[in-house]
Amino acid sequence: MKTIINTPNAPAPIGPYNQAILSGNTLYTSGQIAIDVKTGELVLDSITMETEQVMKNLKAVLAAADMTFEHVIKSSIFISDMNNFSKINSVYAKYFDVDTAPARETVEVANLPKFVNVEISMIAVK
């Protein structure tokens, strides 16, 4: 059994998918990019601002499932340029306790939706 998770506090899907799926007590988020939900515009001023917006969007999706970053057990980070890794990582690190941070991979890819620089998805368990 799956429950569809959608919130107006995160960007609406731009394709045939949902913001997240809750299956039992496990939440699978779709990848989030840096769309500001209030304006509908991409936040691309800097890689740190872009990553902050991605994390805000993920926080909203987690909250819609009554979860927080403490529930995250796995993250997948896709970036367009590995040279941005340290800046992305510094923003990402603010959302997790080092001792209980989730498992994670970071992968450089050729392109991302809307040609953004970073996309992050998560798996969380309550």
PDB file of N, CA and C in Angstrom:
ATOM      1  N   MET A   1       0.840  -1.179   0.000  1.00  0.00           N
ATOM      2  CA  MET A   1       0.000   0.000   0.000  1.00  0.00           C
ATOM      3  C   MET A   1       0.881   1.237   0.000  1.00  0.00           C
ATOM      4  N   LYS A   2       0.517   2.211  -0.821  1.00  0.00           N
ATOM      5  CA  LYS A   2       1.299   3.440  -0.862  1.00  0.00           C
ATOM      6  C   LYS A   2       0.386   4.640  -0.684  1.00  0.00           C
ATOM      7  N   THR A   3       0.972   5.654  -0.051  1.00  0.00           N
ATOM      8  CA  THR A   3       0.275   6.908   0.154  1.00  0.00           C
ATOM      9  C   THR A   3       1.029   7.984  -0.600  1.00  0.00           C
ATOM     10  N   ILE A   4       0.314   8.748  -1.404  1.00  0.00           N
ATOM     11  CA  ILE A   4       0.909   9.845  -2.162  1.00  0.00           C
ATOM     12  C   ILE A   4       1.105  11.035  -1.226  1.00  0.00           C
ATOM     13  N   ILE A   5       2.298  11.604  -1.240  1.00  0.00           N
ATOM     14  CA  ILE A   5       2.602  12.786  -0.440  1.00  0.00           C
ATOM     15  C   ILE A   5       2.816  13.960  -1.391  1.00  0.00           C
ATOM     16  N   ASN A   6       1.994  14.970  -1.253  1.00  0.00           N
ATOM     17  CA  ASN A   6       2.136  16.209  -2.011  1.00  0.00           C
ATOM     18  C   ASN A   6       1.834  17.369  -1.073  1.00  0.00           C
ATOM     19  N   THR A   7       2.620  18.412  -1.178  1.00  0.00           N
ATOM     20  CA  THR A   7       2.415  19.593  -0.356  1.00  0.00           C
ATOM     21  C   THR A   7       2.545  20.844  -1.214  1.00  0.00           C
ATOM     22  N   PRO A   8       1.743  21.857  -0.944  1.00  0.00           N
ATOM     23  CA  PRO A   8       1.899  23.122  -1.663  1.00  0.00           C
ATOM     24  C   PRO A   8       3.149  23.895  -1.219  1.00  0.00           C
ATOM     25  N   ASN A   9       3.823  23.395  -0.177  1.00  0.00           N
ATOM     26  CA  ASN A   9       5.016  24.051   0.354  1.00  0.00           C
ATOM     27  C   ASN A   9       6.300  23.642  -0.353  1.00  0.00           C
ATOM     28  N   ALA A  10       6.174  22.791  -1.366  1.00  0.00           N
ATOM     29  CA  ALA A  10       7.310  22.388  -2.202  1.00  0.00           C
ATOM     30  C   ALA A  10       6.835  22.470  -3.650  1.00  0.00           C
ATOM     31  N   PRO A  11       7.776  22.567  -4.587  1.00  0.00           N
ATOM     32  CA  PRO A  11       7.382  22.688  -5.987  1.00  0.00           C
ATOM     33  C   PRO A  11       6.540  21.502  -6.460  1.00  0.00           C
ATOM     34  N   ALA A  12       5.561  21.816  -7.284  1.00  0.00           N
ATOM     35  CA  ALA A  12       4.736  20.765  -7.876  1.00  0.00           C
ATOM     36  C   ALA A  12       5.585  19.959  -8.853  1.00  0.00           C
ATOM     37  N   PRO A  13       5.301  18.686  -8.996  1.00  0.00           N
ATOM     38  CA  PRO A  13       6.041  17.865  -9.965  1.00  0.00           C
ATOM     39  C   PRO A  13       5.937  18.443 -11.375  1.00  0.00           C
ATOM     40  N   ILE A  14       7.005  18.278 -12.139  1.00  0.00           N
ATOM     41  CA  ILE A  14       7.019  18.775 -13.515  1.00  0.00           C
ATOM     42  C   ILE A  14       6.898  17.617 -14.505  1.00  0.00           C
ATOM     43  N   GLY A  15       6.343  16.522 -14.048  1.00  0.00           N
ATOM     44  CA  GLY A  15       6.164  15.339 -14.887  1.00  0.00           C
ATOM     45  C   GLY A  15       5.223  14.368 -14.211  1.00  0.00           C
ATOM     46  N   PRO A  16       5.141  13.149 -14.729  1.00  0.00           N
ATOM     47  CA  PRO A  16       4.233  12.143 -14.175  1.00  0.00           C
ATOM     48  C   PRO A  16       4.812  11.447 -12.942  1.00  0.00           C
ATOM     49  N   TYR A  17       4.936  12.181 -11.859  1.00  0.00           N
ATOM     50  CA  TYR A  17       5.425  11.640 -10.588  1.00  0.00           C
ATOM     51  C   TYR A  17       4.867  12.486  -9.454  1.00  0.00           C
ATOM     52  N   ASN A  18       5.079  12.053  -8.225  1.00  0.00           N
ATOM     53  CA  ASN A  18       4.642  12.783  -7.030  1.00  0.00           C
ATOM     54  C   ASN A  18       5.854  13.248  -6.248  1.00  0.00           C
ATOM     55  N   GLN A  19       5.638  14.184  -5.338  1.00  0.00           N
ATOM     56  CA  GLN A  19       6.742  14.686  -4.522  1.00  0.00           C
ATOM     57  C   GLN A  19       7.352  13.576  -3.673  1.00  0.00           C
ATOM     58  N   ALA A  20       6.501  12.670  -3.188  1.00  0.00           N
ATOM     59  CA  ALA A  20       6.999  11.554  -2.384  1.00  0.00           C
ATOM     60  C   ALA A  20       5.942  10.465  -2.315  1.00  0.00           C
ATOM     61  N   ILE A  21       6.406   9.278  -1.974  1.00  0.00           N
ATOM     62  CA  ILE A  21       5.534   8.129  -1.740  1.00  0.00           C
ATOM     63  C   ILE A  21       5.873   7.575  -0.364  1.00  0.00           C
ATOM     64  N   LEU A  22       4.838   7.387   0.440  1.00  0.00           N
ATOM     65  CA  LEU A  22       4.989   6.757   1.743  1.00  0.00           C
ATOM     66  C   LEU A  22       4.502   5.322   1.601  1.00  0.00           C
ATOM     67  N   SER A  23       5.385   4.384   1.885  1.00  0.00           N
ATOM     68  CA  SER A  23       5.042   2.964   1.842  1.00  0.00           C
ATOM     69  C   SER A  23       5.335   2.394   3.221  1.00  0.00           C
ATOM     70  N   GLY A  24       4.273   2.063   3.953  1.00  0.00           N
ATOM     71  CA  GLY A  24       4.465   1.666   5.346  1.00  0.00           C
ATOM     72  C   GLY A  24       4.999   2.855   6.112  1.00  0.00           C
ATOM     73  N   ASN A  25       6.166   2.678   6.716  1.00  0.00           N
ATOM     74  CA  ASN A  25       6.778   3.788   7.454  1.00  0.00           C
ATOM     75  C   ASN A  25       8.002   4.354   6.731  1.00  0.00           C
ATOM     76  N   THR A  26       8.124   4.022   5.428  1.00  0.00           N
ATOM     77  CA  THR A  26       9.263   4.485   4.648  1.00  0.00           C
ATOM     78  C   THR A  26       8.801   5.498   3.603  1.00  0.00           C
ATOM     79  N   LEU A  27       9.485   6.636   3.570  1.00  0.00           N
ATOM     80  CA  LEU A  27       9.178   7.709   2.634  1.00  0.00           C
ATOM     81  C   LEU A  27      10.259   7.759   1.560  1.00  0.00           C
ATOM     82  N   TYR A  28       9.830   7.796   0.311  1.00  0.00           N
ATOM     83  CA  TYR A  28      10.729   7.921  -0.832  1.00  0.00           C
ATOM     84  C   TYR A  28      10.430   9.260  -1.494  1.00  0.00           C
ATOM     85  N   THR A  29      11.356  10.204  -1.409  1.00  0.00           N
ATOM     86  CA  THR A  29      11.111  11.501  -2.038  1.00  0.00           C
ATOM     87  C   THR A  29      11.596  11.473  -3.477  1.00  0.00           C
ATOM     88  N   SER A  30      10.927  12.230  -4.307  1.00  0.00           N
ATOM     89  CA  SER A  30      11.440  12.476  -5.651  1.00  0.00           C
ATOM     90  C   SER A  30      12.573  13.483  -5.516  1.00  0.00           C
ATOM     91  N   GLY A  31      13.404  13.541  -6.528  1.00  0.00           N
ATOM     92  CA  GLY A  31      14.478  14.520  -6.516  1.00  0.00           C
ATOM     93  C   GLY A  31      13.918  15.925  -6.505  1.00  0.00           C
ATOM     94  N   GLN A  32      14.524  16.764  -5.696  1.00  0.00           N
ATOM     95  CA  GLN A  32      14.124  18.167  -5.627  1.00  0.00           C
ATOM     96  C   GLN A  32      15.219  19.026  -6.252  1.00  0.00           C
ATOM     97  N   ILE A  33      14.772  20.030  -6.992  1.00  0.00           N
ATOM     98  CA  ILE A  33      15.684  21.027  -7.532  1.00  0.00           C
ATOM     99  C   ILE A  33      15.314  22.373  -6.903  1.00  0.00           C
ATOM    100  N   ALA A  34      16.059  23.402  -7.257  1.00  0.00           N
ATOM    101  CA  ALA A  34      15.941  24.686  -6.563  1.00  0.00           C
ATOM    102  C   ALA A  34      14.845  25.586  -7.127  1.00  0.00           C
ATOM    103  N   ILE A  35      13.622  25.103  -7.124  1.00  0.00           N
ATOM    104  CA  ILE A  35      12.498  25.942  -7.513  1.00  0.00           C
ATOM    105  C   ILE A  35      11.927  26.574  -6.250  1.00  0.00           C
ATOM    106  N   ASP A  36      11.837  27.893  -6.253  1.00  0.00           N
ATOM    107  CA  ASP A  36      11.221  28.615  -5.135  1.00  0.00           C
ATOM    108  C   ASP A  36       9.711  28.470  -5.286  1.00  0.00           C
ATOM    109  N   VAL A  37       9.083  27.809  -4.313  1.00  0.00           N
ATOM    110  CA  VAL A  37       7.657  27.516  -4.414  1.00  0.00           C
ATOM    111  C   VAL A  37       6.813  28.795  -4.451  1.00  0.00           C
ATOM    112  N   LYS A  38       7.285  29.865  -3.844  1.00  0.00           N
ATOM    113  CA  LYS A  38       6.513  31.118  -3.810  1.00  0.00           C
ATOM    114  C   LYS A  38       6.495  31.828  -5.160  1.00  0.00           C
ATOM    115  N   THR A  39       7.613  31.753  -5.885  1.00  0.00           N
ATOM    116  CA  THR A  39       7.703  32.472  -7.154  1.00  0.00           C
ATOM    117  C   THR A  39       7.622  31.555  -8.366  1.00  0.00           C
ATOM    118  N   GLY A  40       7.907  30.276  -8.161  1.00  0.00           N
ATOM    119  CA  GLY A  40       7.954  29.341  -9.279  1.00  0.00           C
ATOM    120  C   GLY A  40       9.232  29.459 -10.092  1.00  0.00           C
ATOM    121  N   GLU A  41      10.145  30.301  -9.635  1.00  0.00           N
ATOM    122  CA  GLU A  41      11.406  30.539 -10.348  1.00  0.00           C
ATOM    123  C   GLU A  41      12.532  29.690  -9.762  1.00  0.00           C
ATOM    124  N   LEU A  42      13.522  29.399 -10.602  1.00  0.00           N
ATOM    125  CA  LEU A  42      14.714  28.704 -10.135  1.00  0.00           C
ATOM    126  C   LEU A  42      15.599  29.662  -9.344  1.00  0.00           C
ATOM    127  N   VAL A  43      16.211  29.151  -8.288  1.00  0.00           N
ATOM    128  CA  VAL A  43      17.167  29.915  -7.491  1.00  0.00           C
ATOM    129  C   VAL A  43      18.556  29.461  -7.924  1.00  0.00           C
ATOM    130  N   LEU A  44      19.182  30.260  -8.784  1.00  0.00           N
ATOM    131  CA  LEU A  44      20.476  29.884  -9.351  1.00  0.00           C
ATOM    132  C   LEU A  44      21.546  30.951  -9.116  1.00  0.00           C
ATOM    133  N   ASP A  45      21.326  31.835  -8.139  1.00  0.00           N
ATOM    134  CA  ASP A  45      22.258  32.933  -7.878  1.00  0.00           C
ATOM    135  C   ASP A  45      23.653  32.444  -7.515  1.00  0.00           C
ATOM    136  N   SER A  46      23.717  31.350  -6.759  1.00  0.00           N
ATOM    137  CA  SER A  46      24.992  30.731  -6.392  1.00  0.00           C
ATOM    138  C   SER A  46      24.704  29.278  -6.065  1.00  0.00           C
ATOM    139  N   ILE A  47      25.725  28.453  -6.073  1.00  0.00           N
ATOM    140  CA  ILE A  47      25.520  27.026  -5.777  1.00  0.00           C
ATOM    141  C   ILE A  47      25.064  26.839  -4.326  1.00  0.00           C
ATOM    142  N   THR A  48      25.504  27.715  -3.426  1.00  0.00           N
ATOM    143  CA  THR A  48      25.059  27.587  -2.035  1.00  0.00           C
ATOM    144  C   THR A  48      23.587  27.964  -1.902  1.00  0.00           C
ATOM    145  N   MET A  49      23.156  29.021  -2.565  1.00  0.00           N
ATOM    146  CA  MET A  49      21.736  29.397  -2.512  1.00  0.00           C
ATOM    147  C   MET A  49      20.871  28.338  -3.195  1.00  0.00           C
ATOM    148  N   GLU A  50      21.375  27.784  -4.278  1.00  0.00           N
ATOM    149  CA  GLU A  50      20.647  26.734  -4.982  1.00  0.00           C
ATOM    150  C   GLU A  50      20.470  25.508  -4.077  1.00  0.00           C
ATOM    151  N   THR A  51      21.531  25.112  -3.411  1.00  0.00           N
ATOM    152  CA  THR A  51      21.464  23.953  -2.512  1.00  0.00           C
ATOM    153  C   THR A  51      20.555  24.234  -1.330  1.00  0.00           C
ATOM    154  N   GLU A  52      20.605  25.445  -0.786  1.00  0.00           N
ATOM    155  CA  GLU A  52      19.702  25.822   0.314  1.00  0.00           C
ATOM    156  C   GLU A  52      18.241  25.657  -0.109  1.00  0.00           C
ATOM    157  N   GLN A  53      17.909  26.086  -1.319  1.00  0.00           N
ATOM    158  CA  GLN A  53      16.535  25.968  -1.795  1.00  0.00           C
ATOM    159  C   GLN A  53      16.137  24.500  -1.952  1.00  0.00           C
ATOM    160  N   VAL A  54      17.041  23.689  -2.452  1.00  0.00           N
ATOM    161  CA  VAL A  54      16.766  22.251  -2.577  1.00  0.00           C
ATOM    162  C   VAL A  54      16.463  21.660  -1.200  1.00  0.00           C
ATOM    163  N   MET A  55      17.268  22.011  -0.225  1.00  0.00           N
ATOM    164  CA  MET A  55      17.072  21.470   1.135  1.00  0.00           C
ATOM    165  C   MET A  55      15.768  21.984   1.743  1.00  0.00           C
ATOM    166  N   LYS A  56      15.402  23.237   1.487  1.00  0.00           N
ATOM    167  CA  LYS A  56      14.118  23.765   1.963  1.00  0.00           C
ATOM    168  C   LYS A  56      12.963  22.982   1.344  1.00  0.00           C
ATOM    169  N   ASN A  57      13.074  22.679   0.062  1.00  0.00           N
ATOM    170  CA  ASN A  57      12.030  21.916  -0.609  1.00  0.00           C
ATOM    171  C   ASN A  57      11.919  20.509  -0.021  1.00  0.00           C
ATOM    172  N   LEU A  58      13.047  19.882   0.237  1.00  0.00           N
ATOM    173  CA  LEU A  58      13.027  18.548   0.850  1.00  0.00           C
ATOM    174  C   LEU A  58      12.454  18.603   2.259  1.00  0.00           C
ATOM    175  N   LYS A  59      12.796  19.642   3.006  1.00  0.00           N
ATOM    176  CA  LYS A  59      12.251  19.807   4.361  1.00  0.00           C
ATOM    177  C   LYS A  59      10.725  19.878   4.316  1.00  0.00           C
ATOM    178  N   ALA A  60      10.184  20.589   3.332  1.00  0.00           N
ATOM    179  CA  ALA A  60       8.728  20.708   3.192  1.00  0.00           C
ATOM    180  C   ALA A  60       8.086  19.363   2.845  1.00  0.00           C
ATOM    181  N   VAL A  61       8.723  18.596   1.988  1.00  0.00           N
ATOM    182  CA  VAL A  61       8.190  17.275   1.629  1.00  0.00           C
ATOM    183  C   VAL A  61       8.236  16.347   2.838  1.00  0.00           C
ATOM    184  N   LEU A  62       9.350  16.354   3.558  1.00  0.00           N
ATOM    185  CA  LEU A  62       9.454  15.537   4.776  1.00  0.00           C
ATOM    186  C   LEU A  62       8.372  15.929   5.780  1.00  0.00           C
ATOM    187  N   ALA A  63       8.176  17.234   5.974  1.00  0.00           N
ATOM    188  CA  ALA A  63       7.169  17.717   6.928  1.00  0.00           C
ATOM    189  C   ALA A  63       5.765  17.265   6.532  1.00  0.00           C
ATOM    190  N   ALA A  64       5.489  17.209   5.229  1.00  0.00           N
ATOM    191  CA  ALA A  64       4.171  16.773   4.762  1.00  0.00           C
ATOM    192  C   ALA A  64       3.903  15.318   5.142  1.00  0.00           C
ATOM    193  N   ALA A  65       4.971  14.562   5.367  1.00  0.00           N
ATOM    194  CA  ALA A  65       4.849  13.171   5.812  1.00  0.00           C
ATOM    195  C   ALA A  65       5.090  13.056   7.315  1.00  0.00           C
ATOM    196  N   ASP A  66       5.079  14.205   8.005  1.00  0.00           N
ATOM    197  CA  ASP A  66       5.318  14.259   9.451  1.00  0.00           C
ATOM    198  C   ASP A  66       6.691  13.685   9.817  1.00  0.00           C
ATOM    199  N   MET A  67       7.696  14.067   9.025  1.00  0.00           N
ATOM    200  CA  MET A  67       9.074  13.629   9.259  1.00  0.00           C
ATOM    201  C   MET A  67       9.994  14.837   9.209  1.00  0.00           C
ATOM    202  N   THR A  68      11.237  14.612   9.636  1.00  0.00           N
ATOM    203  CA  THR A  68      12.281  15.633   9.601  1.00  0.00           C
ATOM    204  C   THR A  68      13.543  15.004   9.007  1.00  0.00           C
ATOM    205  N   PHE A  69      14.591  15.795   8.906  1.00  0.00           N
ATOM    206  CA  PHE A  69      15.860  15.274   8.406  1.00  0.00           C
ATOM    207  C   PHE A  69      16.419  14.181   9.320  1.00  0.00           C
ATOM    208  N   GLU A  70      16.000  14.153  10.563  1.00  0.00           N
ATOM    209  CA  GLU A  70      16.445  13.090  11.480  1.00  0.00           C
ATOM    210  C   GLU A  70      15.954  11.718  11.043  1.00  0.00           C
ATOM    211  N   HIS A  71      14.887  11.674  10.255  1.00  0.00           N
ATOM    212  CA  HIS A  71      14.340  10.410   9.781  1.00  0.00           C
ATOM    213  C   HIS A  71      15.020   9.896   8.514  1.00  0.00           C
ATOM    214  N   VAL A  72      15.840  10.733   7.887  1.00  0.00           N
ATOM    215  CA  VAL A  72      16.461  10.364   6.612  1.00  0.00           C
ATOM    216  C   VAL A  72      17.543   9.313   6.835  1.00  0.00           C
ATOM    217  N   ILE A  73      17.443   8.233   6.049  1.00  0.00           N
ATOM    218  CA  ILE A  73      18.443   7.158   6.150  1.00  0.00           C
ATOM    219  C   ILE A  73      19.338   7.081   4.914  1.00  0.00           C
ATOM    220  N   LYS A  74      18.917   7.729   3.817  1.00  0.00           N
ATOM    221  CA  LYS A  74      19.687   7.657   2.562  1.00  0.00           C
ATOM    222  C   LYS A  74      19.419   8.899   1.730  1.00  0.00           C
ATOM    223  N   SER A  75      20.470   9.479   1.195  1.00  0.00           N
ATOM    224  CA  SER A  75      20.363  10.616   0.285  1.00  0.00           C
ATOM    225  C   SER A  75      21.111  10.308  -1.001  1.00  0.00           C
ATOM    226  N   SER A  76      20.593  10.813  -2.079  1.00  0.00           N
ATOM    227  CA  SER A  76      21.276  10.742  -3.368  1.00  0.00           C
ATOM    228  C   SER A  76      21.410  12.168  -3.888  1.00  0.00           C
ATOM    229  N   ILE A  77      22.648  12.554  -4.163  1.00  0.00           N
ATOM    230  CA  ILE A  77      22.917  13.907  -4.643  1.00  0.00           C
ATOM    231  C   ILE A  77      23.479  13.800  -6.055  1.00  0.00           C
ATOM    232  N   PHE A  78      22.846  14.513  -6.967  1.00  0.00           N
ATOM    233  CA  PHE A  78      23.299  14.559  -8.350  1.00  0.00           C
ATOM    234  C   PHE A  78      23.745  15.983  -8.626  1.00  0.00           C
ATOM    235  N   ILE A  79      24.983  16.130  -9.132  1.00  0.00           N
ATOM    236  CA  ILE A  79      25.519  17.460  -9.386  1.00  0.00           C
ATOM    237  C   ILE A  79      26.088  17.520 -10.804  1.00  0.00           C
ATOM    238  N   SER A  80      26.039  18.706 -11.371  1.00  0.00           N
ATOM    239  CA  SER A  80      26.518  18.877 -12.742  1.00  0.00           C
ATOM    240  C   SER A  80      28.018  19.141 -12.822  1.00  0.00           C
ATOM    241  N   ASP A  81      28.628  19.464 -11.682  1.00  0.00           N
ATOM    242  CA  ASP A  81      30.061  19.778 -11.673  1.00  0.00           C
ATOM    243  C   ASP A  81      30.645  19.393 -10.315  1.00  0.00           C
ATOM    244  N   MET A  82      31.506  18.397 -10.299  1.00  0.00           N
ATOM    245  CA  MET A  82      32.095  17.919  -9.050  1.00  0.00           C
ATOM    246  C   MET A  82      32.918  19.007  -8.358  1.00  0.00           C
ATOM    247  N   ASN A  83      33.298  20.037  -9.077  1.00  0.00           N
ATOM    248  CA  ASN A  83      34.012  21.157  -8.442  1.00  0.00           C
ATOM    249  C   ASN A  83      33.139  21.897  -7.439  1.00  0.00           C
ATOM    250  N   ASN A  84      31.823  21.705  -7.514  1.00  0.00           N
ATOM    251  CA  ASN A  84      30.903  22.331  -6.554  1.00  0.00           C
ATOM    252  C   ASN A  84      30.660  21.467  -5.317  1.00  0.00           C
ATOM    253  N   PHE A  85      31.277  20.298  -5.269  1.00  0.00           N
ATOM    254  CA  PHE A  85      31.021  19.352  -4.185  1.00  0.00           C
ATOM    255  C   PHE A  85      31.177  19.977  -2.801  1.00  0.00           C
ATOM    256  N   SER A  86      32.262  20.667  -2.535  1.00  0.00           N
ATOM    257  CA  SER A  86      32.503  21.176  -1.176  1.00  0.00           C
ATOM    258  C   SER A  86      31.464  22.229  -0.773  1.00  0.00           C
ATOM    259  N   LYS A  87      31.037  23.064  -1.703  1.00  0.00           N
ATOM    260  CA  LYS A  87      30.027  24.077  -1.386  1.00  0.00           C
ATOM    261  C   LYS A  87      28.665  23.422  -1.136  1.00  0.00           C
ATOM    262  N   ILE A  88      28.313  22.457  -1.963  1.00  0.00           N
ATOM    263  CA  ILE A  88      27.059  21.718  -1.765  1.00  0.00           C
ATOM    264  C   ILE A  88      27.105  20.975  -0.438  1.00  0.00           C
ATOM    265  N   ASN A  89      28.219  20.333  -0.172  1.00  0.00           N
ATOM    266  CA  ASN A  89      28.377  19.554   1.049  1.00  0.00           C
ATOM    267  C   ASN A  89      28.276  20.434   2.295  1.00  0.00           C
ATOM    268  N   SER A  90      28.799  21.648   2.234  1.00  0.00           N
ATOM    269  CA  SER A  90      28.745  22.527   3.412  1.00  0.00           C
ATOM    270  C   SER A  90      27.308  22.939   3.730  1.00  0.00           C
ATOM    271  N   VAL A  91      26.494  23.156   2.715  1.00  0.00           N
ATOM    272  CA  VAL A  91      25.077  23.468   2.954  1.00  0.00           C
ATOM    273  C   VAL A  91      24.361  22.224   3.461  1.00  0.00           C
ATOM    274  N   TYR A  92      24.545  21.118   2.786  1.00  0.00           N
ATOM    275  CA  TYR A  92      23.907  19.849   3.153  1.00  0.00           C
ATOM    276  C   TYR A  92      24.211  19.490   4.613  1.00  0.00           C
ATOM    277  N   ALA A  93      25.454  19.687   5.029  1.00  0.00           N
ATOM    278  CA  ALA A  93      25.901  19.316   6.381  1.00  0.00           C
ATOM    279  C   ALA A  93      25.148  20.065   7.474  1.00  0.00           C
ATOM    280  N   LYS A  94      24.634  21.254   7.172  1.00  0.00           N
ATOM    281  CA  LYS A  94      23.908  22.029   8.185  1.00  0.00           C
ATOM    282  C   LYS A  94      22.597  21.365   8.592  1.00  0.00           C
ATOM    283  N   TYR A  95      22.116  20.454   7.798  1.00  0.00           N
ATOM    284  CA  TYR A  95      20.823  19.823   8.048  1.00  0.00           C
ATOM    285  C   TYR A  95      20.919  18.487   8.784  1.00  0.00           C
ATOM    286  N   PHE A  96      22.139  18.009   9.048  1.00  0.00           N
ATOM    287  CA  PHE A  96      22.317  16.707   9.680  1.00  0.00           C
ATOM    288  C   PHE A  96      23.340  16.762  10.802  1.00  0.00           C
ATOM    289  N   ASP A  97      23.136  15.909  11.799  1.00  0.00           N
ATOM    290  CA  ASP A  97      24.118  15.690  12.852  1.00  0.00           C
ATOM    291  C   ASP A  97      25.162  14.740  12.279  1.00  0.00           C
ATOM    292  N   VAL A  98      26.420  15.075  12.395  1.00  0.00           N
ATOM    293  CA  VAL A  98      27.494  14.263  11.819  1.00  0.00           C
ATOM    294  C   VAL A  98      27.429  12.814  12.307  1.00  0.00           C
ATOM    295  N   ASP A  99      27.104  12.612  13.569  1.00  0.00           N
ATOM    296  CA  ASP A  99      27.099  11.267  14.137  1.00  0.00           C
ATOM    297  C   ASP A  99      25.942  10.400  13.658  1.00  0.00           C
ATOM    298  N   THR A 100      24.862  11.024  13.185  1.00  0.00           N
ATOM    299  CA  THR A 100      23.688  10.253  12.756  1.00  0.00           C
ATOM    300  C   THR A 100      23.287  10.556  11.313  1.00  0.00           C
ATOM    301  N   ALA A 101      24.201  11.131  10.549  1.00  0.00           N
ATOM    302  CA  ALA A 101      23.914  11.479   9.157  1.00  0.00           C
ATOM    303  C   ALA A 101      23.566  10.222   8.356  1.00  0.00           C
ATOM    304  N   PRO A 102      22.738  10.387   7.323  1.00  0.00           N
ATOM    305  CA  PRO A 102      22.334   9.225   6.522  1.00  0.00           C
ATOM    306  C   PRO A 102      23.456   8.728   5.611  1.00  0.00           C
ATOM    307  N   ALA A 103      23.242   7.541   5.061  1.00  0.00           N
ATOM    308  CA  ALA A 103      24.105   7.067   3.988  1.00  0.00           C
ATOM    309  C   ALA A 103      23.876   7.980   2.789  1.00  0.00           C
ATOM    310  N   ARG A 104      24.861   8.041   1.885  1.00  0.00           N
ATOM    311  CA  ARG A 104      24.722   8.998   0.790  1.00  0.00           C
ATOM    312  C   ARG A 104      25.663   8.651  -0.348  1.00  0.00           C
ATOM    313  N   GLU A 105      25.241   9.006  -1.563  1.00  0.00           N
ATOM    314  CA  GLU A 105      26.164   9.027  -2.680  1.00  0.00           C
ATOM    315  C   GLU A 105      26.021  10.372  -3.365  1.00  0.00           C
ATOM    316  N   THR A 106      27.109  10.806  -3.983  1.00  0.00           N
ATOM    317  CA  THR A 106      27.108  12.041  -4.762  1.00  0.00           C
ATOM    318  C   THR A 106      27.665  11.688  -6.124  1.00  0.00           C
ATOM    319  N   VAL A 107      26.887  11.989  -7.156  1.00  0.00           N
ATOM    320  CA  VAL A 107      27.248  11.581  -8.508  1.00  0.00           C
ATOM    321  C   VAL A 107      27.234  12.792  -9.432  1.00  0.00           C
ATOM    322  N   GLU A 108      28.296  12.952 -10.212  1.00  0.00           N
ATOM    323  CA  GLU A 108      28.308  13.996 -11.227  1.00  0.00           C
ATOM    324  C   GLU A 108      27.607  13.459 -12.473  1.00  0.00           C
ATOM    325  N   VAL A 109      26.720  14.273 -13.017  1.00  0.00           N
ATOM    326  CA  VAL A 109      25.958  13.883 -14.199  1.00  0.00           C
ATOM    327  C   VAL A 109      26.111  14.955 -15.282  1.00  0.00           C
ATOM    328  N   ALA A 110      25.789  14.600 -16.521  1.00  0.00           N
ATOM    329  CA  ALA A 110      25.939  15.535 -17.638  1.00  0.00           C
ATOM    330  C   ALA A 110      24.927  16.672 -17.562  1.00  0.00           C
ATOM    331  N   ASN A 111      23.678  16.343 -17.240  1.00  0.00           N
ATOM    332  CA  ASN A 111      22.617  17.344 -17.169  1.00  0.00           C
ATOM    333  C   ASN A 111      21.585  16.932 -16.137  1.00  0.00           C
ATOM    334  N   LEU A 112      20.859  17.931 -15.640  1.00  0.00           N
ATOM    335  CA  LEU A 112      19.765  17.716 -14.699  1.00  0.00           C
ATOM    336  C   LEU A 112      18.537  18.450 -15.224  1.00  0.00           C
ATOM    337  N   PRO A 113      17.347  18.139 -14.687  1.00  0.00           N
ATOM    338  CA  PRO A 113      16.142  18.833 -15.150  1.00  0.00           C
ATOM    339  C   PRO A 113      16.308  20.355 -15.083  1.00  0.00           C
ATOM    340  N   LYS A 114      15.836  21.027 -16.100  1.00  0.00           N
ATOM    341  CA  LYS A 114      15.913  22.492 -16.211  1.00  0.00           C
ATOM    342  C   LYS A 114      17.355  23.001 -16.166  1.00  0.00           C
ATOM    343  N   PHE A 115      18.309  22.078 -16.383  1.00  0.00           N
ATOM    344  CA  PHE A 115      19.737  22.399 -16.419  1.00  0.00           C
ATOM    345  C   PHE A 115      20.237  23.042 -15.127  1.00  0.00           C
ATOM    346  N   VAL A 116      19.677  22.578 -13.985  1.00  0.00           N
ATOM    347  CA  VAL A 116      20.139  23.050 -12.682  1.00  0.00           C
ATOM    348  C   VAL A 116      21.486  22.411 -12.364  1.00  0.00           C
ATOM    349  N   ASN A 117      22.062  22.807 -11.242  1.00  0.00           N
ATOM    350  CA  ASN A 117      23.382  22.319 -10.849  1.00  0.00           C
ATOM    351  C   ASN A 117      23.351  21.215  -9.809  1.00  0.00           C
ATOM    352  N   VAL A 118      22.205  21.066  -9.117  1.00  0.00           N
ATOM    353  CA  VAL A 118      22.116  20.057  -8.053  1.00  0.00           C
ATOM    354  C   VAL A 118      20.673  19.569  -7.925  1.00  0.00           C
ATOM    355  N   GLU A 119      20.530  18.273  -7.691  1.00  0.00           N
ATOM    356  CA  GLU A 119      19.246  17.645  -7.407  1.00  0.00           C
ATOM    357  C   GLU A 119      19.485  16.622  -6.301  1.00  0.00           C
ATOM    358  N   ILE A 120      18.578  16.598  -5.317  1.00  0.00           N
ATOM    359  CA  ILE A 120      18.744  15.687  -4.185  1.00  0.00           C
ATOM    360  C   ILE A 120      17.433  14.941  -3.938  1.00  0.00           C
ATOM    361  N   SER A 121      17.539  13.632  -3.703  1.00  0.00           N
ATOM    362  CA  SER A 121      16.398  12.825  -3.266  1.00  0.00           C
ATOM    363  C   SER A 121      16.770  12.129  -1.970  1.00  0.00           C
ATOM    364  N   MET A 122      15.751  11.679  -1.243  1.00  0.00           N
ATOM    365  CA  MET A 122      15.994  11.058   0.058  1.00  0.00           C
ATOM    366  C   MET A 122      15.045   9.906   0.318  1.00  0.00           C
ATOM    367  N   ILE A 123      15.489   9.042   1.216  1.00  0.00           N
ATOM    368  CA  ILE A 123      14.645   7.984   1.764  1.00  0.00           C
ATOM    369  C   ILE A 123      14.650   8.205   3.268  1.00  0.00           C
ATOM    370  N   ALA A 124      13.464   8.216   3.875  1.00  0.00           N
ATOM    371  CA  ALA A 124      13.326   8.447   5.314  1.00  0.00           C
ATOM    372  C   ALA A 124      12.443   7.365   5.918  1.00  0.00           C
ATOM    373  N   VAL A 125      12.719   7.038   7.165  1.00  0.00           N
ATOM    374  CA  VAL A 125      11.937   6.021   7.876  1.00  0.00           C
ATOM    375  C   VAL A 125      11.503   6.582   9.220  1.00  0.00           C
ATOM    376  N   LYS A 126      10.230   6.355   9.533  1.00  0.00           N
ATOM    377  CA  LYS A 126       9.678   6.820  10.809  1.00  0.00           C
ATOM    378  C   LYS A 126       9.655   5.691  11.802  1.00  0.00           C
TER     379      LYS A 126
END
